[in-house]
Amino acid sequence: MPGQRNVVGFVFLSVFSVEGGIQSYAKDVLRAYTACPDAPPADVYLLRDQATDLNPFAADPKLNFHYSGKYAGNFGRLHLGWHLLQNLRRGKYARLISGHILLSPLLQPLCRWFKTPLTMILYGKEVWNPVAGRQYQALQQAHSIWINSRYTRDLSCAANGLDPQKFHMLPCVINGEKFTPGSPNLELVNKYELQGHQVLMTVARLWSGDIYKGVDVTIRALPKILSQFPQVKYLVVGRGDDQPRLAKMAEDLGVAEQVVFAGFVPDDLLVEHYRLANAYVMPSREGFGIVYLEAMACGVPTLSGDDDGSADPLQDGRVGWRVPYRDPDAVAMACIEILRGGDQRCDADWLRQQTLEHFGPASLQRSLEKALASS
């Protein structure tokens, strides 16, 4: 009935048409939402997706999807905005949930005009520094903010003058049925020439404008690591325009034979690649870092940077190594410690158990239920 606000509206840039950390997190949030027994029905607006995209929730009775991806450029925003406007005029929504801060110029004025509470989902570096205009207004006027790490909460509050009481923690989660320990795939061992080697591994974009993943730092750490463990190889999974620079760096340091660039690896082969690793090494600066959970769920000891959102998946260093993220000497020392073994954080079964206990799907559902009930 008009005026009855009994539906939730989600608005995302994209969820199903491309792969990425934000899209994976959005799917986890939708999955947790459908599992919440007291959650009302939800409309899900998708700016860049189309009805032909593979959608695992398409038949879920709790979710009703609206696609605008077949319309190019601003026509997609007009299509989405028009349908959203019609439902807002009917007083349909108990709240709108913005799946990205880039949607703020559209959603913030609509929510203000129709007096609809706005919840914003934040991810990481998009709010680590001050934002301006409608994005700033949306953050200030948001009824609540959902976020996946303490680090991003603290930085966004400091940079944009936000009230920490607005925030609700919704952790990233890992599928423990997909990411499991196992023996190395011999076909991949032969492909990458890893026989008889201990393997360090990173999964990252290799973009020249995005070097914070720390692949260059790990390459610079290799000479010191090799002095203690000469049979080490470094497997880099990912692609991008920074690969030539990284390959030249490895050549200049005399470690080109020890660095293997695997290129793009599809999701269905990623687990097999984690199983090749003796250590997952990514001295980065992440909003959270889902790859750390993936590695640890596969029982792989893990190294991260010490000044970012990885504090959450690595549980403040309780289950992994955290080092200064641009310090190759610190990376080398931690890698040597991991390869020597003996630390509880190298125990694959314990590591997996601790990861799934704190970051399984049930933890996200519990957090989401609290966020829905309290705001």
Protein backbone atom coordinates (compact mmCIF):
# COMPACT_ATOMS: atom_id res chain seq x y z
CA MET A 1 0.00 0.00 0.00
CA PRO A 2 1.20 3.59 -0.66
CA GLY A 3 2.90 5.09 2.37
CA GLN A 4 3.84 1.75 3.87
CA ARG A 5 7.62 1.60 4.08
CA ASN A 6 8.09 -2.13 4.25
CA VAL A 7 10.75 -2.81 1.59
CA VAL A 8 14.51 -2.22 1.52
CA GLY A 9 16.16 -0.82 -1.62
CA PHE A 10 19.72 -1.80 -2.52
CA VAL A 11 21.48 0.21 -5.25
CA PHE A 12 24.76 -1.09 -6.72
CA LEU A 13 26.98 -0.06 -9.61
CA SER A 14 27.49 -3.68 -10.65
CA VAL A 15 27.39 -7.07 -9.01
CA PHE A 16 27.17 -9.75 -11.71
CA SER A 17 28.65 -8.32 -14.92
CA VAL A 18 32.25 -8.05 -13.67
CA GLU A 19 34.44 -9.81 -11.12
CA GLY A 20 36.15 -7.98 -8.29
CA GLY A 21 36.43 -7.58 -4.55
CA ILE A 22 33.54 -5.11 -4.30
CA GLN A 23 31.29 -7.35 -6.40
CA SER A 24 32.21 -10.39 -4.32
CA TYR A 25 31.42 -8.50 -1.13
CA ALA A 26 28.08 -7.33 -2.56
CA LYS A 27 27.13 -10.92 -3.33
CA ASP A 28 28.03 -11.92 0.22
CA VAL A 29 25.87 -9.13 1.62
CA LEU A 30 22.91 -10.17 -0.56
CA ARG A 31 23.39 -13.80 0.40
CA ALA A 32 23.46 -12.89 4.10
CA TYR A 33 20.39 -10.69 3.62
CA THR A 34 18.35 -13.55 2.14
CA ALA A 35 19.37 -15.70 5.12
CA CYS A 36 18.12 -13.16 7.69
CA PRO A 37 14.70 -14.50 8.69
CA ASP A 38 13.29 -11.12 9.76
CA ALA A 39 14.62 -9.05 6.85
CA PRO A 40 11.84 -7.56 4.67
CA PRO A 41 11.68 -8.01 0.89
CA ALA A 42 14.25 -6.00 -1.07
CA ASP A 43 14.47 -4.31 -4.45
CA VAL A 44 17.97 -4.48 -5.94
CA TYR A 45 18.87 -1.81 -8.52
CA LEU A 46 21.88 -2.55 -10.74
CA LEU A 47 23.26 0.35 -12.79
CA ARG A 48 25.66 -1.58 -15.04
CA ASP A 49 24.29 -5.13 -14.98
CA GLN A 50 21.82 -6.65 -17.40
CA ALA A 51 19.15 -9.30 -16.99
CA THR A 52 21.28 -11.62 -19.12
CA ASP A 53 24.15 -11.61 -16.59
CA LEU A 54 24.46 -14.75 -14.49
CA ASN A 55 22.65 -13.97 -11.23
CA PRO A 56 22.58 -16.70 -8.56
CA PHE A 57 19.82 -14.83 -6.69
CA ALA A 58 17.49 -14.36 -9.66
CA ALA A 59 14.93 -16.85 -8.34
CA ASP A 60 15.12 -15.79 -4.68
CA PRO A 61 11.63 -14.66 -3.59
CA LYS A 62 13.07 -12.06 -1.19
CA LEU A 63 14.93 -10.11 -3.91
CA ASN A 64 13.44 -8.24 -6.87
CA PHE A 65 16.03 -7.08 -9.44
CA HIS A 66 15.96 -3.95 -11.60
CA TYR A 67 18.59 -3.81 -14.37
CA SER A 68 19.78 -0.67 -16.16
CA GLY A 69 22.90 -2.03 -17.85
CA LYS A 70 21.47 -2.18 -21.37
CA TYR A 71 21.30 1.63 -21.44
CA ALA A 72 24.57 3.36 -22.31
CA GLY A 73 26.18 6.12 -20.26
CA ASN A 74 23.86 8.58 -18.55
CA PHE A 75 20.82 6.84 -19.99
CA GLY A 76 21.45 4.03 -17.52
CA ARG A 77 21.40 6.48 -14.61
CA LEU A 78 18.22 8.06 -15.95
CA HIS A 79 16.58 4.64 -16.24
CA LEU A 80 17.60 3.62 -12.73
CA GLY A 81 16.71 6.99 -11.25
CA TRP A 82 13.28 7.07 -12.87
CA HIS A 83 12.24 3.67 -11.52
CA LEU A 84 13.69 4.48 -8.11
CA LEU A 85 11.82 7.79 -8.10
CA GLN A 86 8.49 6.09 -8.80
CA ASN A 87 8.91 3.73 -5.88
CA LEU A 88 10.09 6.47 -3.55
CA ARG A 89 7.00 8.53 -4.42
CA ARG A 90 4.88 5.56 -3.40
CA GLY A 91 6.59 5.57 0.01
CA LYS A 92 7.80 2.03 -0.59
CA TYR A 93 11.18 1.95 1.13
CA ALA A 94 12.07 1.69 4.78
CA ARG A 95 15.62 2.60 3.71
CA LEU A 96 17.88 2.82 0.68
CA ILE A 97 21.28 1.14 0.82
CA SER A 98 23.92 2.68 -1.44
CA GLY A 99 26.41 0.09 -2.69
CA HIS A 100 29.06 2.66 -3.65
CA ILE A 101 29.89 6.26 -2.82
CA LEU A 102 29.85 7.07 -6.57
CA LEU A 103 26.07 6.67 -6.41
CA SER A 104 25.82 9.54 -3.92
CA PRO A 105 24.96 12.29 -6.44
CA LEU A 106 21.86 10.31 -7.40
CA LEU A 107 20.76 8.84 -4.06
CA GLN A 108 21.51 11.58 -1.54
CA PRO A 109 19.03 14.16 -2.92
CA LEU A 110 16.35 11.52 -3.53
CA CYS A 111 16.59 10.31 0.05
CA ARG A 112 16.45 13.87 1.34
CA TRP A 113 13.40 14.78 -0.76
CA PHE A 114 11.46 11.68 0.21
CA LYS A 115 12.69 11.54 3.81
CA THR A 116 14.03 8.03 3.31
CA PRO A 117 16.91 6.85 5.54
CA LEU A 118 20.12 6.31 3.56
CA THR A 119 22.61 3.60 4.47
CA MET A 120 25.99 3.73 2.73
CA ILE A 121 28.34 0.80 2.16
CA LEU A 122 32.02 1.82 2.18
CA TYR A 123 34.95 -0.37 1.20
CA GLY A 124 38.32 1.30 1.64
CA LYS A 125 40.51 3.88 -0.01
CA GLU A 126 37.62 5.80 -1.61
CA VAL A 127 37.05 7.43 1.80
CA TRP A 128 40.53 7.36 3.33
CA ASN A 129 40.95 11.00 2.25
CA PRO A 130 38.48 13.91 2.33
CA VAL A 131 35.67 13.70 -0.21
CA ALA A 132 33.69 16.65 -1.52
CA GLY A 133 30.35 17.72 -2.93
CA ARG A 134 27.44 15.30 -2.88
CA GLN A 135 29.67 12.50 -1.65
CA TYR A 136 30.52 14.52 1.45
CA GLN A 137 26.88 15.49 1.95
CA ALA A 138 25.81 11.88 1.65
CA LEU A 139 28.33 10.75 4.26
CA GLN A 140 27.26 13.50 6.64
CA GLN A 141 23.54 12.89 6.17
CA ALA A 142 23.64 9.09 6.02
CA HIS A 143 21.49 7.46 8.65
CA SER A 144 24.02 4.65 8.98
CA ILE A 145 27.23 3.40 7.34
CA TRP A 146 28.21 -0.22 6.78
CA ILE A 147 31.91 -0.95 6.58
CA ASN A 148 34.16 -4.02 6.52
CA SER A 149 37.18 -2.95 8.59
CA ARG A 150 38.08 -0.89 11.62
CA TYR A 151 40.89 0.73 9.65
CA THR A 152 38.60 2.24 7.01
CA ARG A 153 36.13 3.31 9.69
CA ASP A 154 38.84 5.19 11.56
CA LEU A 155 40.38 6.80 8.48
CA SER A 156 37.03 7.85 7.03
CA CYS A 157 35.97 9.39 10.34
CA ALA A 158 39.22 11.34 10.63
CA ALA A 159 39.22 12.49 7.00
CA ASN A 160 35.54 13.41 6.73
CA GLY A 161 34.48 14.29 10.26
CA LEU A 162 32.08 11.35 10.60
CA ASP A 163 30.43 10.10 13.75
CA PRO A 164 31.81 6.62 14.64
CA GLN A 165 28.42 5.76 16.13
CA LYS A 166 26.94 5.67 12.63
CA PHE A 167 29.11 2.73 11.65
CA HIS A 168 28.24 -0.96 11.65
CA MET A 169 30.90 -3.55 10.96
CA LEU A 170 29.97 -6.06 8.26
CA PRO A 171 33.03 -8.29 7.80
CA CYS A 172 34.16 -9.84 4.58
CA VAL A 173 33.64 -13.58 4.65
CA ILE A 174 35.17 -16.65 3.06
CA ASN A 175 33.53 -19.70 1.53
CA GLY A 176 35.15 -22.53 3.48
CA GLU A 177 33.68 -25.13 1.14
CA LYS A 178 35.43 -23.59 -1.87
CA PHE A 179 38.73 -22.54 -0.29
CA THR A 180 40.21 -25.67 1.26
CA PRO A 181 43.70 -27.12 1.83
CA GLY A 182 44.95 -29.75 -0.57
CA SER A 183 47.99 -31.23 -2.26
CA PRO A 184 49.74 -29.20 -4.97
CA ASN A 185 48.42 -29.76 -8.48
CA LEU A 186 51.28 -31.51 -10.30
CA GLU A 187 50.23 -30.06 -13.64
CA LEU A 188 50.63 -26.54 -12.21
CA VAL A 189 53.88 -27.50 -10.47
CA ASN A 190 55.27 -28.56 -13.84
CA LYS A 191 53.81 -25.56 -15.66
CA TYR A 192 55.53 -23.08 -13.35
CA GLU A 193 58.65 -25.23 -12.82
CA LEU A 194 58.20 -25.38 -9.05
CA GLN A 195 59.55 -28.89 -8.47
CA GLY A 196 61.71 -28.95 -5.33
CA HIS A 197 61.00 -25.31 -4.52
CA GLN A 198 59.34 -23.52 -1.64
CA VAL A 199 56.80 -21.07 -3.00
CA LEU A 200 55.88 -17.55 -1.97
CA MET A 201 52.72 -16.29 -3.64
CA THR A 202 50.80 -13.07 -4.27
CA VAL A 203 47.45 -12.52 -5.99
CA ALA A 204 47.21 -8.90 -7.12
CA ARG A 205 46.52 -6.49 -9.93
CA LEU A 206 49.77 -5.40 -11.56
CA TRP A 207 48.77 -1.84 -12.42
CA SER A 208 51.32 0.95 -12.62
CA GLY A 209 48.94 3.30 -10.84
CA ASP A 210 48.26 0.79 -8.08
CA ILE A 211 51.64 -0.42 -6.81
CA TYR A 212 50.57 -0.54 -3.17
CA LYS A 213 50.01 -4.32 -3.42
CA GLY A 214 53.70 -4.73 -2.58
CA VAL A 215 54.86 -7.10 -5.33
CA ASP A 216 57.87 -4.83 -5.89
CA VAL A 217 58.70 -4.92 -2.19
CA THR A 218 58.60 -8.72 -2.14
CA ILE A 219 60.89 -8.88 -5.19
CA ARG A 220 63.36 -6.61 -3.39
CA ALA A 221 63.17 -8.94 -0.37
CA LEU A 222 64.04 -12.02 -2.42
CA PRO A 223 67.85 -11.77 -2.30
CA LYS A 224 67.85 -11.89 1.50
CA ILE A 225 65.27 -14.71 1.53
CA LEU A 226 67.28 -16.69 -1.02
CA SER A 227 70.40 -16.37 1.12
CA GLN A 228 68.61 -18.56 3.70
CA PHE A 229 66.33 -20.58 1.42
CA PRO A 230 67.95 -20.80 -2.04
CA GLN A 231 65.15 -22.99 -3.43
CA VAL A 232 62.45 -20.34 -3.06
CA LYS A 233 60.36 -19.16 -6.00
CA TYR A 234 57.91 -16.25 -6.02
CA LEU A 235 54.64 -16.92 -7.88
CA VAL A 236 52.77 -13.74 -8.86
CA VAL A 237 49.16 -14.28 -9.94
CA GLY A 238 47.64 -11.32 -11.75
CA ARG A 239 48.10 -9.12 -14.77
CA GLY A 240 48.55 -5.45 -15.60
CA ASP A 241 50.75 -2.85 -17.19
CA ASP A 242 53.25 -2.83 -14.30
CA GLN A 243 54.54 -6.32 -15.07
CA PRO A 244 57.41 -5.14 -17.35
CA ARG A 245 58.75 -2.87 -14.60
CA LEU A 246 58.53 -5.69 -12.05
CA ALA A 247 60.23 -8.15 -14.40
CA LYS A 248 63.05 -5.63 -15.03
CA MET A 249 63.42 -5.13 -11.28
CA ALA A 250 63.77 -8.88 -10.77
CA GLU A 251 66.37 -9.04 -13.56
CA ASP A 252 68.37 -6.16 -12.11
CA LEU A 253 68.38 -7.83 -8.69
CA GLY A 254 69.50 -11.15 -10.16
CA VAL A 255 66.32 -13.00 -9.14
CA ALA A 256 64.53 -13.21 -12.50
CA GLU A 257 64.73 -17.02 -12.46
CA GLN A 258 62.99 -17.08 -9.09
CA VAL A 259 60.02 -14.88 -10.07
CA VAL A 260 57.16 -16.52 -11.98
CA PHE A 261 54.47 -14.31 -13.49
CA ALA A 262 51.41 -16.52 -13.84
CA GLY A 263 49.22 -13.85 -15.41
CA PHE A 264 45.45 -13.95 -15.11
CA VAL A 265 44.01 -16.98 -13.31
CA PRO A 266 40.24 -17.58 -13.41
CA ASP A 267 38.40 -17.94 -10.14
CA ASP A 268 37.82 -21.68 -10.57
CA LEU A 269 41.60 -22.29 -10.62
CA LEU A 270 42.54 -19.92 -7.82
CA VAL A 271 42.27 -22.50 -5.05
CA GLU A 272 44.68 -24.79 -6.92
CA HIS A 273 47.17 -21.92 -7.02
CA TYR A 274 46.89 -21.21 -3.28
CA ARG A 275 47.70 -24.89 -2.70
CA LEU A 276 51.06 -24.38 -4.42
CA ALA A 277 52.15 -21.86 -1.79
CA ASN A 278 54.20 -22.26 1.36
CA ALA A 279 53.40 -18.65 2.23
CA TYR A 280 51.04 -15.97 0.97
CA VAL A 281 52.92 -12.66 0.88
CA MET A 282 51.23 -9.32 0.21
CA PRO A 283 52.77 -6.41 2.12
CA SER A 284 50.03 -4.08 0.95
CA ARG A 285 47.72 -1.34 2.11
CA GLU A 286 44.23 -2.82 1.93
CA GLY A 287 40.79 -1.75 3.05
CA PHE A 288 40.40 -5.34 4.21
CA GLY A 289 42.00 -7.91 1.90
CA ILE A 290 39.75 -10.86 1.04
CA VAL A 291 42.75 -12.66 -0.48
CA TYR A 292 44.21 -13.08 3.01
CA LEU A 293 41.09 -15.01 4.04
CA GLU A 294 41.29 -17.11 0.89
CA ALA A 295 44.90 -18.06 1.59
CA MET A 296 44.36 -18.81 5.27
CA ALA A 297 41.24 -20.88 4.58
CA CYS A 298 43.52 -22.96 2.34
CA GLY A 299 45.88 -23.35 5.30
CA VAL A 300 48.60 -21.07 3.88
CA PRO A 301 50.60 -18.92 6.35
CA THR A 302 50.06 -15.27 5.49
CA LEU A 303 51.97 -11.97 5.57
CA SER A 304 50.40 -8.52 5.23
CA GLY A 305 51.23 -4.88 5.83
CA ASP A 306 50.87 -3.49 9.34
CA ASP A 307 49.01 -0.23 8.67
CA ASP A 308 45.77 -1.14 6.94
CA GLY A 309 42.56 -3.13 7.10
CA SER A 310 44.41 -6.46 7.11
CA ALA A 311 44.45 -6.11 10.89
CA ASP A 312 40.95 -7.62 10.78
CA PRO A 313 41.51 -10.79 8.69
CA LEU A 314 44.89 -11.37 10.36
CA GLN A 315 43.26 -10.70 13.74
CA ASP A 316 45.86 -8.11 14.76
CA GLY A 317 48.69 -10.52 13.94
CA ARG A 318 47.34 -13.42 15.98
CA VAL A 319 46.96 -15.63 12.90
CA GLY A 320 49.55 -14.09 10.54
CA TRP A 321 52.56 -11.83 10.11
CA ARG A 322 52.10 -8.06 9.80
CA VAL A 323 55.11 -5.96 8.75
CA PRO A 324 55.81 -2.40 7.52
CA TYR A 325 54.40 -2.64 4.04
CA ARG A 326 57.19 -0.83 2.12
CA ASP A 327 60.07 -2.44 4.03
CA PRO A 328 61.77 -5.28 2.08
CA ASP A 329 64.01 -6.20 5.01
CA ALA A 330 60.99 -6.71 7.27
CA VAL A 331 59.28 -8.75 4.56
CA ALA A 332 62.37 -10.89 4.14
CA MET A 333 62.72 -11.56 7.87
CA ALA A 334 59.04 -12.55 8.18
CA CYS A 335 59.22 -14.81 5.12
CA ILE A 336 62.30 -16.55 6.52
CA GLU A 337 60.47 -17.09 9.82
CA ILE A 338 57.46 -18.56 7.98
CA LEU A 339 59.62 -20.88 5.86
CA ARG A 340 61.43 -22.15 8.95
CA GLY A 341 58.08 -23.22 10.42
CA GLY A 342 57.40 -24.06 14.03
CA ASP A 343 55.10 -21.10 14.69
CA GLN A 344 51.44 -21.88 15.42
CA ARG A 345 50.52 -19.50 12.60
CA CYS A 346 52.07 -22.06 10.23
CA ASP A 347 49.71 -24.82 11.41
CA ALA A 348 47.36 -25.24 8.44
CA ASP A 349 44.50 -26.84 10.38
CA TRP A 350 44.59 -24.27 13.19
CA LEU A 351 44.88 -21.39 10.74
CA ARG A 352 41.89 -22.57 8.73
CA GLN A 353 39.80 -23.16 11.85
CA GLN A 354 40.50 -19.70 13.24
CA THR A 355 39.72 -18.06 9.90
CA LEU A 356 36.40 -19.81 9.37
CA GLU A 357 35.34 -19.25 12.99
CA HIS A 358 35.69 -15.47 12.66
CA PHE A 359 34.95 -14.92 8.98
CA GLY A 360 32.50 -17.59 7.88
CA PRO A 361 29.14 -16.64 6.30
CA ALA A 362 27.36 -16.95 9.65
CA SER A 363 29.44 -14.07 11.06
CA LEU A 364 28.27 -11.73 8.30
CA GLN A 365 24.65 -12.75 8.77
CA ARG A 366 24.84 -12.04 12.50
CA SER A 367 26.42 -8.64 11.87
CA LEU A 368 23.85 -7.77 9.21
CA GLU A 369 20.96 -8.69 11.47
CA LYS A 370 22.33 -6.35 14.15
CA ALA A 371 22.81 -3.54 11.63
CA LEU A 372 19.27 -3.91 10.30
CA ALA A 373 17.81 -3.98 13.79
CA SER A 374 19.77 -1.05 15.19
CA SER A 375 19.48 1.52 12.46
